[in-house]
């Protein structure tokens, strides 16, 4: 599972019937640099590509989510579904305490 901030939504004119009722979110993934800057919550956009994530949980712009990519993203569906990433968690808080050497 990866963490990221929702930075936008995608609107489709047609969709696969198995995906009706869900939304599509554009996510800026957190990187190691987000966490190494300070003990504050990660902020700013990632330089990594922003995936489009299927969402049936109700994530909104500005919210932190946990998402799963790859084959595991299609597991919640009964029939094979063309999904690359799915929202698996709505994150309330992140507690980060780096190791001190």
PDB file of N, CA and C in Angstrom:
ATOM      1  N   UNK A   1       0.853  -1.171   0.000  1.00  0.00           N
ATOM      2  CA  UNK A   1       0.000   0.000   0.000  1.00  0.00           C
ATOM      3  C   UNK A   1       0.896   1.229   0.000  1.00  0.00           C
ATOM      4  N   UNK A   2       0.484   2.211  -0.764  1.00  0.00           N
ATOM      5  CA  UNK A   2       1.186   3.487  -0.820  1.00  0.00           C
ATOM      6  C   UNK A   2       0.261   4.571  -0.309  1.00  0.00           C
ATOM      7  N   UNK A   3       0.850   5.662   0.132  1.00  0.00           N
ATOM      8  CA  UNK A   3       0.078   6.817   0.581  1.00  0.00           C
ATOM      9  C   UNK A   3       0.226   7.942  -0.426  1.00  0.00           C
ATOM     10  N   UNK A   4      -0.820   8.766  -0.523  1.00  0.00           N
ATOM     11  CA  UNK A   4      -0.765   9.904  -1.415  1.00  0.00           C
ATOM     12  C   UNK A   4      -1.867  10.893  -1.107  1.00  0.00           C
ATOM     13  N   UNK A   5      -1.761  12.073  -1.687  1.00  0.00           N
ATOM     14  CA  UNK A   5      -2.758  13.120  -1.517  1.00  0.00           C
ATOM     15  C   UNK A   5      -3.591  13.213  -2.788  1.00  0.00           C
ATOM     16  N   UNK A   6      -4.903  13.283  -2.627  1.00  0.00           N
ATOM     17  CA  UNK A   6      -5.797  13.433  -3.770  1.00  0.00           C
ATOM     18  C   UNK A   6      -5.666  14.871  -4.274  1.00  0.00           C
ATOM     19  N   UNK A   7      -5.320  15.016  -5.568  1.00  0.00           N
ATOM     20  CA  UNK A   7      -5.120  16.347  -6.134  1.00  0.00           C
ATOM     21  C   UNK A   7      -6.153  16.684  -7.206  1.00  0.00           C
ATOM     22  N   UNK A   8      -7.043  15.736  -7.515  1.00  0.00           N
ATOM     23  CA  UNK A   8      -8.057  16.008  -8.523  1.00  0.00           C
ATOM     24  C   UNK A   8      -8.955  14.814  -8.757  1.00  0.00           C
ATOM     25  N   UNK A   9      -9.970  15.021  -9.606  1.00  0.00           N
ATOM     26  CA  UNK A   9     -10.898  13.949  -9.963  1.00  0.00           C
ATOM     27  C   UNK A   9     -11.002  13.853 -11.473  1.00  0.00           C
ATOM     28  N   UNK A  10     -11.375  12.676 -11.943  1.00  0.00           N
ATOM     29  CA  UNK A  10     -11.561  12.433 -13.367  1.00  0.00           C
ATOM     30  C   UNK A  10     -13.040  12.150 -13.604  1.00  0.00           C
ATOM     31  N   UNK A  11     -13.601  12.729 -14.655  1.00  0.00           N
ATOM     32  CA  UNK A  11     -14.982  12.470 -15.025  1.00  0.00           C
ATOM     33  C   UNK A  11     -14.989  11.664 -16.320  1.00  0.00           C
ATOM     34  N   UNK A  12     -15.726  10.561 -16.331  1.00  0.00           N
ATOM     35  CA  UNK A  12     -15.807   9.696 -17.506  1.00  0.00           C
ATOM     36  C   UNK A  12     -17.181   9.805 -18.150  1.00  0.00           C
ATOM     37  N   UNK A  13     -17.224   9.685 -19.467  1.00  0.00           N
ATOM     38  CA  UNK A  13     -18.518   9.689 -20.150  1.00  0.00           C
ATOM     39  C   UNK A  13     -19.065   8.268 -20.262  1.00  0.00           C
ATOM     40  N   UNK A  14     -18.187   7.268 -20.266  1.00  0.00           N
ATOM     41  CA  UNK A  14     -18.590   5.859 -20.287  1.00  0.00           C
ATOM     42  C   UNK A  14     -17.670   5.091 -19.351  1.00  0.00           C
ATOM     43  N   UNK A  15     -18.202   4.002 -18.776  1.00  0.00           N
ATOM     44  CA  UNK A  15     -17.391   3.190 -17.878  1.00  0.00           C
ATOM     45  C   UNK A  15     -17.822   1.729 -17.964  1.00  0.00           C
ATOM     46  N   UNK A  16     -16.981   0.850 -17.492  1.00  0.00           N
ATOM     47  CA  UNK A  16     -17.290  -0.575 -17.415  1.00  0.00           C
ATOM     48  C   UNK A  16     -18.401  -0.752 -16.385  1.00  0.00           C
ATOM     49  N   UNK A  17     -19.434  -1.551 -16.668  1.00  0.00           N
ATOM     50  CA  UNK A  17     -20.550  -1.703 -15.726  1.00  0.00           C
ATOM     51  C   UNK A  17     -20.127  -2.082 -14.302  1.00  0.00           C
ATOM     52  N   UNK A  18     -19.071  -2.858 -14.147  1.00  0.00           N
ATOM     53  CA  UNK A  18     -18.618  -3.263 -12.807  1.00  0.00           C
ATOM     54  C   UNK A  18     -18.113  -2.084 -11.987  1.00  0.00           C
ATOM     55  N   UNK A  19     -17.793  -0.971 -12.645  1.00  0.00           N
ATOM     56  CA  UNK A  19     -17.218   0.180 -11.950  1.00  0.00           C
ATOM     57  C   UNK A  19     -18.230   1.284 -11.668  1.00  0.00           C
ATOM     58  N   UNK A  20     -19.494   1.060 -11.998  1.00  0.00           N
ATOM     59  CA  UNK A  20     -20.515   2.068 -11.745  1.00  0.00           C
ATOM     60  C   UNK A  20     -20.625   2.343 -10.246  1.00  0.00           C
ATOM     61  N   UNK A  21     -20.795   3.597  -9.901  1.00  0.00           N
ATOM     62  CA  UNK A  21     -20.937   3.973  -8.495  1.00  0.00           C
ATOM     63  C   UNK A  21     -19.655   4.438  -7.846  1.00  0.00           C
ATOM     64  N   UNK A  22     -18.515   4.188  -8.481  1.00  0.00           N
ATOM     65  CA  UNK A  22     -17.241   4.635  -7.933  1.00  0.00           C
ATOM     66  C   UNK A  22     -16.796   5.922  -8.603  1.00  0.00           C
ATOM     67  N   UNK A  23     -15.738   6.508  -8.078  1.00  0.00           N
ATOM     68  CA  UNK A  23     -15.158   7.730  -8.650  1.00  0.00           C
ATOM     69  C   UNK A  23     -13.710   7.454  -8.994  1.00  0.00           C
ATOM     70  N   UNK A  24     -13.117   8.355  -9.748  1.00  0.00           N
ATOM     71  CA  UNK A  24     -11.717   8.253 -10.127  1.00  0.00           C
ATOM     72  C   UNK A  24     -10.979   9.466  -9.582  1.00  0.00           C
ATOM     73  N   UNK A  25      -9.907   9.213  -8.846  1.00  0.00           N
ATOM     74  CA  UNK A  25      -9.136  10.269  -8.197  1.00  0.00           C
ATOM     75  C   UNK A  25      -7.730  10.339  -8.780  1.00  0.00           C
ATOM     76  N   UNK A  26      -7.208  11.542  -8.929  1.00  0.00           N
ATOM     77  CA  UNK A  26      -5.812  11.737  -9.315  1.00  0.00           C
ATOM     78  C   UNK A  26      -5.027  11.926  -8.029  1.00  0.00           C
ATOM     79  N   UNK A  27      -3.975  11.136  -7.850  1.00  0.00           N
ATOM     80  CA  UNK A  27      -3.248  11.104  -6.575  1.00  0.00           C
ATOM     81  C   UNK A  27      -1.780  11.472  -6.775  1.00  0.00           C
ATOM     82  N   UNK A  28      -1.288  12.340  -5.909  1.00  0.00           N
ATOM     83  CA  UNK A  28       0.138  12.656  -5.860  1.00  0.00           C
ATOM     84  C   UNK A  28       0.750  11.754  -4.792  1.00  0.00           C
ATOM     85  N   UNK A  29       1.539  10.731  -5.209  1.00  0.00           N
ATOM     86  CA  UNK A  29       2.074   9.771  -4.234  1.00  0.00           C
ATOM     87  C   UNK A  29       3.137  10.385  -3.328  1.00  0.00           C
ATOM     88  N   UNK A  30       3.151   9.936  -2.074  1.00  0.00           N
ATOM     89  CA  UNK A  30       4.204  10.350  -1.153  1.00  0.00           C
ATOM     90  C   UNK A  30       5.477   9.593  -1.506  1.00  0.00           C
ATOM     91  N   UNK A  31       6.597  10.269  -1.357  1.00  0.00           N
ATOM     92  CA  UNK A  31       7.898   9.647  -1.577  1.00  0.00           C
ATOM     93  C   UNK A  31       8.683   9.693  -0.272  1.00  0.00           C
ATOM     94  N   UNK A  32       9.818   9.084  -0.284  1.00  0.00           N
ATOM     95  CA  UNK A  32      10.681   9.104   0.898  1.00  0.00           C
ATOM     96  C   UNK A  32      11.043  10.532   1.282  1.00  0.00           C
ATOM     97  N   UNK A  33      11.221  11.386   0.277  1.00  0.00           N
ATOM     98  CA  UNK A  33      11.566  12.788   0.544  1.00  0.00           C
ATOM     99  C   UNK A  33      10.488  13.505   1.344  1.00  0.00           C
ATOM    100  N   UNK A  34       9.216  13.166   1.115  1.00  0.00           N
ATOM    101  CA  UNK A  34       8.136  13.786   1.875  1.00  0.00           C
ATOM    102  C   UNK A  34       8.329  13.565   3.374  1.00  0.00           C
ATOM    103  N   UNK A  35       8.780  12.388   3.744  1.00  0.00           N
ATOM    104  CA  UNK A  35       8.896  12.045   5.152  1.00  0.00           C
ATOM    105  C   UNK A  35      10.227  12.478   5.753  1.00  0.00           C
ATOM    106  N   UNK A  36      11.256  12.641   4.947  1.00  0.00           N
ATOM    107  CA  UNK A  36      12.569  13.000   5.481  1.00  0.00           C
ATOM    108  C   UNK A  36      12.740  14.497   5.684  1.00  0.00           C
ATOM    109  N   UNK A  37      11.824  15.294   5.164  1.00  0.00           N
ATOM    110  CA  UNK A  37      11.963  16.753   5.319  1.00  0.00           C
ATOM    111  C   UNK A  37      11.807  17.200   6.760  1.00  0.00           C
ATOM    112  N   UNK A  38      10.803  16.646   7.438  1.00  0.00           N
ATOM    113  CA  UNK A  38      10.557  17.048   8.821  1.00  0.00           C
ATOM    114  C   UNK A  38       9.570  16.071   9.435  1.00  0.00           C
ATOM    115  N   UNK A  39       9.162  16.353  10.652  1.00  0.00           N
ATOM    116  CA  UNK A  39       8.177  15.508  11.310  1.00  0.00           C
ATOM    117  C   UNK A  39       6.752  16.000  11.049  1.00  0.00           C
ATOM    118  N   UNK A  40       6.615  17.059  10.229  1.00  0.00           N
ATOM    119  CA  UNK A  40       5.294  17.559   9.850  1.00  0.00           C
ATOM    120  C   UNK A  40       4.686  16.628   8.802  1.00  0.00           C
ATOM    121  N   UNK A  41       3.366  16.655   8.642  1.00  0.00           N
ATOM    122  CA  UNK A  41       2.740  15.837   7.603  1.00  0.00           C
ATOM    123  C   UNK A  41       3.284  16.198   6.230  1.00  0.00           C
ATOM    124  N   UNK A  42       3.377  15.230   5.327  1.00  0.00           N
ATOM    125  CA  UNK A  42       3.895  15.500   3.989  1.00  0.00           C
ATOM    126  C   UNK A  42       3.060  16.553   3.270  1.00  0.00           C
ATOM    127  N   UNK A  43       3.738  17.445   2.551  1.00  0.00           N
ATOM    128  CA  UNK A  43       3.046  18.489   1.806  1.00  0.00           C
ATOM    129  C   UNK A  43       3.728  18.663   0.464  1.00  0.00           C
ATOM    130  N   UNK A  44       3.035  19.235  -0.487  1.00  0.00           N
ATOM    131  CA  UNK A  44       3.597  19.481  -1.806  1.00  0.00           C
ATOM    132  C   UNK A  44       3.356  18.317  -2.737  1.00  0.00           C
ATOM    133  N   UNK A  45       3.544  18.577  -4.015  1.00  0.00           N
ATOM    134  CA  UNK A  45       3.325  17.554  -5.020  1.00  0.00           C
ATOM    135  C   UNK A  45       4.573  16.716  -5.221  1.00  0.00           C
ATOM    136  N   UNK A  46       4.352  15.463  -5.567  1.00  0.00           N
ATOM    137  CA  UNK A  46       5.432  14.541  -5.841  1.00  0.00           C
ATOM    138  C   UNK A  46       5.934  14.755  -7.265  1.00  0.00           C
ATOM    139  N   UNK A  47       7.190  14.391  -7.506  1.00  0.00           N
ATOM    140  CA  UNK A  47       7.720  14.448  -8.865  1.00  0.00           C
ATOM    141  C   UNK A  47       7.431  13.150  -9.611  1.00  0.00           C
ATOM    142  N   UNK A  48       6.897  12.148  -8.896  1.00  0.00           N
ATOM    143  CA  UNK A  48       6.510  10.889  -9.530  1.00  0.00           C
ATOM    144  C   UNK A  48       5.221  11.083 -10.319  1.00  0.00           C
ATOM    145  N   UNK A  49       4.966  10.206 -11.294  1.00  0.00           N
ATOM    146  CA  UNK A  49       3.698  10.291 -12.032  1.00  0.00           C
ATOM    147  C   UNK A  49       2.510  10.132 -11.085  1.00  0.00           C
ATOM    148  N   UNK A  50       1.429  10.835 -11.377  1.00  0.00           N
ATOM    149  CA  UNK A  50       0.230  10.786 -10.544  1.00  0.00           C
ATOM    150  C   UNK A  50      -0.733   9.735 -11.088  1.00  0.00           C
ATOM    151  N   UNK A  51      -0.952   8.638 -10.349  1.00  0.00           N
ATOM    152  CA  UNK A  51      -1.870   7.612 -10.836  1.00  0.00           C
ATOM    153  C   UNK A  51      -3.324   8.060 -10.704  1.00  0.00           C
ATOM    154  N   UNK A  52      -4.175   7.455 -11.525  1.00  0.00           N
ATOM    155  CA  UNK A  52      -5.614   7.628 -11.412  1.00  0.00           C
ATOM    156  C   UNK A  52      -6.109   6.409 -10.647  1.00  0.00           C
ATOM    157  N   UNK A  53      -6.782   6.649  -9.517  1.00  0.00           N
ATOM    158  CA  UNK A  53      -7.149   5.595  -8.567  1.00  0.00           C
ATOM    159  C   UNK A  53      -8.671   5.473  -8.496  1.00  0.00           C
ATOM    160  N   UNK A  54      -9.182   4.239  -8.604  1.00  0.00           N
ATOM    161  CA  UNK A  54     -10.615   3.993  -8.446  1.00  0.00           C
ATOM    162  C   UNK A  54     -10.964   4.129  -6.970  1.00  0.00           C
ATOM    163  N   UNK A  55     -12.071   4.828  -6.688  1.00  0.00           N
ATOM    164  CA  UNK A  55     -12.445   5.100  -5.298  1.00  0.00           C
ATOM    165  C   UNK A  55     -13.920   4.795  -5.064  1.00  0.00           C
ATOM    166  N   UNK A  56     -14.177   3.877  -4.148  1.00  0.00           N
ATOM    167  CA  UNK A  56     -15.555   3.584  -3.729  1.00  0.00           C
ATOM    168  C   UNK A  56     -15.749   3.949  -2.259  1.00  0.00           C
ATOM    169  N   UNK A  57     -14.721   4.581  -1.648  1.00  0.00           N
ATOM    170  CA  UNK A  57     -14.777   4.925  -0.223  1.00  0.00           C
ATOM    171  C   UNK A  57     -15.184   6.375   0.028  1.00  0.00           C
ATOM    172  N   UNK A  58     -15.074   7.232  -0.968  1.00  0.00           N
ATOM    173  CA  UNK A  58     -15.471   8.626  -0.795  1.00  0.00           C
ATOM    174  C   UNK A  58     -14.341   9.583  -0.514  1.00  0.00           C
ATOM    175  N   UNK A  59     -13.147   9.312  -1.022  1.00  0.00           N
ATOM    176  CA  UNK A  59     -12.026  10.224  -0.848  1.00  0.00           C
ATOM    177  C   UNK A  59     -12.252  11.518  -1.605  1.00  0.00           C
ATOM    178  N   UNK A  60     -11.747  12.615  -1.054  1.00  0.00           N
ATOM    179  CA  UNK A  60     -11.935  13.918  -1.677  1.00  0.00           C
ATOM    180  C   UNK A  60     -10.627  14.637  -1.910  1.00  0.00           C
ATOM    181  N   UNK A  61     -10.675  15.686  -2.689  1.00  0.00           N
ATOM    182  CA  UNK A  61      -9.485  16.478  -3.005  1.00  0.00           C
ATOM    183  C   UNK A  61      -8.877  17.029  -1.709  1.00  0.00           C
ATOM    184  N   UNK A  62      -7.567  16.869  -1.577  1.00  0.00           N
ATOM    185  CA  UNK A  62      -6.853  17.333  -0.396  1.00  0.00           C
ATOM    186  C   UNK A  62      -6.708  16.269   0.683  1.00  0.00           C
ATOM    187  N   UNK A  63      -7.392  15.161   0.548  1.00  0.00           N
ATOM    188  CA  UNK A  63      -7.358  14.105   1.566  1.00  0.00           C
ATOM    189  C   UNK A  63      -6.213  13.136   1.297  1.00  0.00           C
ATOM    190  N   UNK A  64      -5.668  12.564   2.351  1.00  0.00           N
ATOM    191  CA  UNK A  64      -4.639  11.544   2.237  1.00  0.00           C
ATOM    192  C   UNK A  64      -5.323  10.186   2.164  1.00  0.00           C
ATOM    193  N   UNK A  65      -4.909   9.371   1.187  1.00  0.00           N
ATOM    194  CA  UNK A  65      -5.473   8.035   1.039  1.00  0.00           C
ATOM    195  C   UNK A  65      -4.358   7.002   0.979  1.00  0.00           C
ATOM    196  N   UNK A  66      -4.717   5.759   1.247  1.00  0.00           N
ATOM    197  CA  UNK A  66      -3.840   4.627   1.042  1.00  0.00           C
ATOM    198  C   UNK A  66      -4.373   3.865  -0.153  1.00  0.00           C
ATOM    199  N   UNK A  67      -3.540   3.625  -1.139  1.00  0.00           N
ATOM    200  CA  UNK A  67      -4.014   2.937  -2.340  1.00  0.00           C
ATOM    201  C   UNK A  67      -3.115   1.759  -2.680  1.00  0.00           C
ATOM    202  N   UNK A  68      -3.717   0.798  -3.385  1.00  0.00           N
ATOM    203  CA  UNK A  68      -3.037  -0.426  -3.783  1.00  0.00           C
ATOM    204  C   UNK A  68      -2.969  -0.438  -5.301  1.00  0.00           C
ATOM    205  N   UNK A  69      -1.834  -0.872  -5.837  1.00  0.00           N
ATOM    206  CA  UNK A  69      -1.651  -0.929  -7.284  1.00  0.00           C
ATOM    207  C   UNK A  69      -1.451  -2.372  -7.730  1.00  0.00           C
ATOM    208  N   UNK A  70      -1.611  -2.590  -9.024  1.00  0.00           N
ATOM    209  CA  UNK A  70      -1.324  -3.885  -9.608  1.00  0.00           C
ATOM    210  C   UNK A  70      -2.474  -4.873  -9.487  1.00  0.00           C
ATOM    211  N   UNK A  71      -2.148  -6.144  -9.527  1.00  0.00           N
ATOM    212  CA  UNK A  71      -3.137  -7.208  -9.517  1.00  0.00           C
ATOM    213  C   UNK A  71      -4.053  -7.156  -8.297  1.00  0.00           C
ATOM    214  N   UNK A  72      -3.522  -6.758  -7.156  1.00  0.00           N
ATOM    215  CA  UNK A  72      -4.314  -6.686  -5.930  1.00  0.00           C
ATOM    216  C   UNK A  72      -5.452  -5.673  -6.033  1.00  0.00           C
ATOM    217  N   UNK A  73      -5.330  -4.686  -6.900  1.00  0.00           N
ATOM    218  CA  UNK A  73      -6.355  -3.661  -7.044  1.00  0.00           C
ATOM    219  C   UNK A  73      -7.660  -4.233  -7.594  1.00  0.00           C
ATOM    220  N   UNK A  74      -7.602  -5.302  -8.352  1.00  0.00           N
ATOM    221  CA  UNK A  74      -8.809  -5.897  -8.939  1.00  0.00           C
ATOM    222  C   UNK A  74      -9.433  -6.956  -8.037  1.00  0.00           C
ATOM    223  N   UNK A  75      -8.811  -7.299  -6.939  1.00  0.00           N
ATOM    224  CA  UNK A  75      -9.303  -8.362  -6.069  1.00  0.00           C
ATOM    225  C   UNK A  75     -10.696  -8.123  -5.478  1.00  0.00           C
ATOM    226  N   UNK A  76     -11.114  -6.888  -5.142  1.00  0.00           N
ATOM    227  CA  UNK A  76     -12.438  -6.693  -4.544  1.00  0.00           C
ATOM    228  C   UNK A  76     -13.604  -6.976  -5.497  1.00  0.00           C
ATOM    229  N   UNK A  77     -13.353  -7.150  -6.780  1.00  0.00           N
ATOM    230  CA  UNK A  77     -14.411  -7.315  -7.759  1.00  0.00           C
ATOM    231  C   UNK A  77     -14.659  -8.793  -8.060  1.00  0.00           C
ATOM    232  N   UNK A  78     -15.930  -9.137  -8.295  1.00  0.00           N
ATOM    233  CA  UNK A  78     -16.298 -10.526  -8.601  1.00  0.00           C
ATOM    234  C   UNK A  78     -15.793 -10.961  -9.970  1.00  0.00           C
ATOM    235  N   UNK A  79     -15.930 -10.097 -10.943  1.00  0.00           N
ATOM    236  CA  UNK A  79     -15.504 -10.383 -12.310  1.00  0.00           C
ATOM    237  C   UNK A  79     -14.167  -9.687 -12.584  1.00  0.00           C
ATOM    238  N   UNK A  80     -13.370 -10.215 -13.525  1.00  0.00           N
ATOM    239  CA  UNK A  80     -12.140  -9.499 -13.896  1.00  0.00           C
ATOM    240  C   UNK A  80     -12.468  -8.066 -14.323  1.00  0.00           C
ATOM    241  N   UNK A  81     -11.777  -7.123 -13.731  1.00  0.00           N
ATOM    242  CA  UNK A  81     -12.070  -5.708 -13.943  1.00  0.00           C
ATOM    243  C   UNK A  81     -10.785  -4.971 -14.314  1.00  0.00           C
ATOM    244  N   UNK A  82     -10.830  -4.087 -15.310  1.00  0.00           N
ATOM    245  CA  UNK A  82      -9.626  -3.363 -15.744  1.00  0.00           C
ATOM    246  C   UNK A  82      -9.250  -2.226 -14.796  1.00  0.00           C
ATOM    247  N   UNK A  83      -8.578  -2.579 -13.701  1.00  0.00           N
ATOM    248  CA  UNK A  83      -8.192  -1.592 -12.677  1.00  0.00           C
ATOM    249  C   UNK A  83      -6.691  -1.719 -12.422  1.00  0.00           C
ATOM    250  N   UNK A  84      -5.994  -0.592 -12.336  1.00  0.00           N
ATOM    251  CA  UNK A  84      -4.571  -0.593 -11.994  1.00  0.00           C
ATOM    252  C   UNK A  84      -4.318  -0.141 -10.564  1.00  0.00           C
ATOM    253  N   UNK A  85      -5.237   0.664  -9.991  1.00  0.00           N
ATOM    254  CA  UNK A  85      -5.052   1.169  -8.626  1.00  0.00           C
ATOM    255  C   UNK A  85      -6.428   1.395  -7.997  1.00  0.00           C
ATOM    256  N   UNK A  86      -6.527   1.099  -6.703  1.00  0.00           N
ATOM    257  CA  UNK A  86      -7.789   1.252  -5.981  1.00  0.00           C
ATOM    258  C   UNK A  86      -7.528   1.863  -4.612  1.00  0.00           C
ATOM    259  N   UNK A  87      -8.429   2.742  -4.181  1.00  0.00           N
ATOM    260  CA  UNK A  87      -8.340   3.351  -2.858  1.00  0.00           C
ATOM    261  C   UNK A  87      -8.708   2.298  -1.820  1.00  0.00           C
ATOM    262  N   UNK A  88      -7.790   2.029  -0.902  1.00  0.00           N
ATOM    263  CA  UNK A  88      -8.014   1.014   0.117  1.00  0.00           C
ATOM    264  C   UNK A  88      -8.219   1.605   1.506  1.00  0.00           C
ATOM    265  N   UNK A  89      -7.888   2.888   1.702  1.00  0.00           N
ATOM    266  CA  UNK A  89      -7.999   3.484   3.039  1.00  0.00           C
ATOM    267  C   UNK A  89      -8.079   5.003   2.960  1.00  0.00           C
ATOM    268  N   UNK A  90      -8.894   5.570   3.838  1.00  0.00           N
ATOM    269  CA  UNK A  90      -8.927   7.016   4.039  1.00  0.00           C
ATOM    270  C   UNK A  90      -8.109   7.289   5.298  1.00  0.00           C
ATOM    271  N   UNK A  91      -7.046   8.052   5.166  1.00  0.00           N
ATOM    272  CA  UNK A  91      -6.088   8.257   6.256  1.00  0.00           C
ATOM    273  C   UNK A  91      -6.446   9.524   7.031  1.00  0.00           C
ATOM    274  N   UNK A  92      -6.636   9.372   8.347  1.00  0.00           N
ATOM    275  CA  UNK A  92      -6.947  10.512   9.202  1.00  0.00           C
ATOM    276  C   UNK A  92      -5.692  11.250   9.639  1.00  0.00           C
ATOM    277  N   UNK A  93      -4.702  10.509  10.120  1.00  0.00           N
ATOM    278  CA  UNK A  93      -3.471  11.128  10.624  1.00  0.00           C
ATOM    279  C   UNK A  93      -2.289  10.257  10.263  1.00  0.00           C
ATOM    280  N   UNK A  94      -1.132  10.903  10.149  1.00  0.00           N
ATOM    281  CA  UNK A  94       0.120  10.194   9.930  1.00  0.00           C
ATOM    282  C   UNK A  94       1.056  10.563  11.066  1.00  0.00           C
ATOM    283  N   UNK A  95       1.561   9.563  11.765  1.00  0.00           N
ATOM    284  CA  UNK A  95       2.538   9.773  12.815  1.00  0.00           C
ATOM    285  C   UNK A  95       3.861   9.244  12.288  1.00  0.00           C
ATOM    286  N   UNK A  96       4.846  10.102  12.204  1.00  0.00           N
ATOM    287  CA  UNK A  96       6.142   9.732  11.675  1.00  0.00           C
ATOM    288  C   UNK A  96       7.218  10.142  12.655  1.00  0.00           C
ATOM    289  N   UNK A  97       7.999   9.178  13.067  1.00  0.00           N
ATOM    290  CA  UNK A  97       9.100   9.443  13.988  1.00  0.00           C
ATOM    291  C   UNK A  97      10.360   8.808  13.410  1.00  0.00           C
ATOM    292  N   UNK A  98      11.211   9.616  12.777  1.00  0.00           N
ATOM    293  CA  UNK A  98      12.412   9.050  12.158  1.00  0.00           C
ATOM    294  C   UNK A  98      13.375   8.495  13.198  1.00  0.00           C
ATOM    295  N   UNK A  99      14.138   7.508  12.752  1.00  0.00           N
ATOM    296  CA  UNK A  99      15.136   6.925  13.636  1.00  0.00           C
ATOM    297  C   UNK A  99      16.270   7.916  13.813  1.00  0.00           C
ATOM    298  N   UNK A 100      16.713   8.095  15.024  1.00  0.00           N
ATOM    299  CA  UNK A 100      17.856   8.966  15.296  1.00  0.00           C
ATOM    300  C   UNK A 100      19.094   8.100  15.410  1.00  0.00           C
ATOM    301  N   UNK A 101      20.122   8.403  14.623  1.00  0.00           N
ATOM    302  CA  UNK A 101      21.366   7.617  14.664  1.00  0.00           C
ATOM    303  C   UNK A 101      22.377   8.263  15.537  1.00  0.00           C
TER     304      UNK A 101
END
